[in-house]
Amino acid sequence: MDTPKVSKTQQSATAKYVRNNYDRMEIKVPKGKKQVIQDIAQAQGESLNGYVKKAVKGQIKADTGQDIDL
């Protein structure tokens, strides 16, 4: 099955939306650990980003008792 092609205009619009509506964060982990975390996330049916966000939300809840929406 072929993946539908996305126009350059649509790609540009999506990139602009992401830039305007999301902050970016970067974390550093020892070499090889990204793949370990990615494999665990995939085994749980989640993306790496979704898995890390869930972990952060859980830690904030444990530390502060607050539920935050990520």
Protein backbone atom coordinates (compact mmCIF):
# COMPACT_ATOMS: atom_id res chain seq x y z
CA MET A 1 0.00 0.00 0.00
CA ASP A 2 1.46 3.36 -1.01
CA THR A 3 1.70 6.16 1.52
CA PRO A 4 -0.10 9.29 0.32
CA LYS A 5 2.30 12.05 -0.68
CA VAL A 6 2.25 15.20 1.39
CA SER A 7 2.77 18.47 -0.46
CA LYS A 8 5.54 20.86 0.49
CA THR A 9 2.85 23.39 1.42
CA GLN A 10 1.31 20.93 3.87
CA GLN A 11 4.73 20.06 5.32
CA SER A 12 5.44 23.75 5.79
CA ALA A 13 2.07 24.38 7.43
CA THR A 14 2.58 21.45 9.81
CA ALA A 15 6.09 22.62 10.73
CA LYS A 16 4.80 26.14 11.40
CA TYR A 17 1.99 24.78 13.61
CA VAL A 18 4.43 22.68 15.63
CA ARG A 19 6.83 25.63 16.01
CA ASN A 20 4.03 27.90 17.23
CA ASN A 21 2.31 25.44 19.57
CA TYR A 22 4.98 23.24 21.13
CA ASP A 23 8.17 23.71 23.11
CA ARG A 24 11.05 21.33 22.48
CA MET A 25 13.13 19.63 25.15
CA GLU A 26 16.27 17.61 24.75
CA ILE A 27 17.58 15.00 27.16
CA LYS A 28 20.91 13.27 27.03
CA VAL A 29 21.31 9.59 27.91
CA PRO A 30 24.40 7.36 27.71
CA LYS A 31 25.13 5.82 24.31
CA GLY A 32 22.86 2.86 23.62
CA LYS A 33 20.27 3.77 26.27
CA LYS A 34 18.03 5.60 23.80
CA GLN A 35 17.52 2.34 21.94
CA VAL A 36 16.80 0.50 25.20
CA ILE A 37 14.12 3.07 26.13
CA GLN A 38 12.74 3.06 22.58
CA ASP A 39 12.44 -0.74 22.62
CA ILE A 40 10.59 -0.67 25.96
CA ALA A 41 8.26 2.07 24.70
CA GLN A 42 7.52 0.07 21.55
CA ALA A 43 6.82 -3.06 23.63
CA GLN A 44 4.26 -0.98 25.55
CA GLY A 45 2.68 0.17 22.26
CA GLU A 46 3.93 3.73 22.67
CA SER A 47 6.23 6.11 20.85
CA LEU A 48 9.44 7.19 22.53
CA ASN A 49 7.99 10.68 23.00
CA GLY A 50 4.75 9.37 24.49
CA TYR A 51 6.61 7.04 26.83
CA VAL A 52 8.92 9.77 28.12
CA LYS A 53 6.00 12.18 28.57
CA LYS A 54 4.14 9.54 30.59
CA ALA A 55 7.21 9.03 32.78
CA VAL A 56 7.56 12.78 33.38
CA LYS A 57 3.85 13.10 34.21
CA GLY A 58 4.14 10.21 36.66
CA GLN A 59 7.16 11.74 38.39
CA ILE A 60 5.48 15.14 38.68
CA LYS A 61 2.41 13.45 40.18
CA ALA A 62 4.62 11.58 42.69
CA ASP A 63 6.58 14.70 43.61
CA THR A 64 3.78 17.26 43.79
CA GLY A 65 0.47 15.42 43.69
CA GLN A 66 -0.44 17.47 40.60
CA ASP A 67 -1.80 16.04 37.38
CA ILE A 68 -0.49 17.97 34.42
CA ASP A 69 -1.47 17.68 30.80
CA LEU A 70 1.44 17.11 28.47
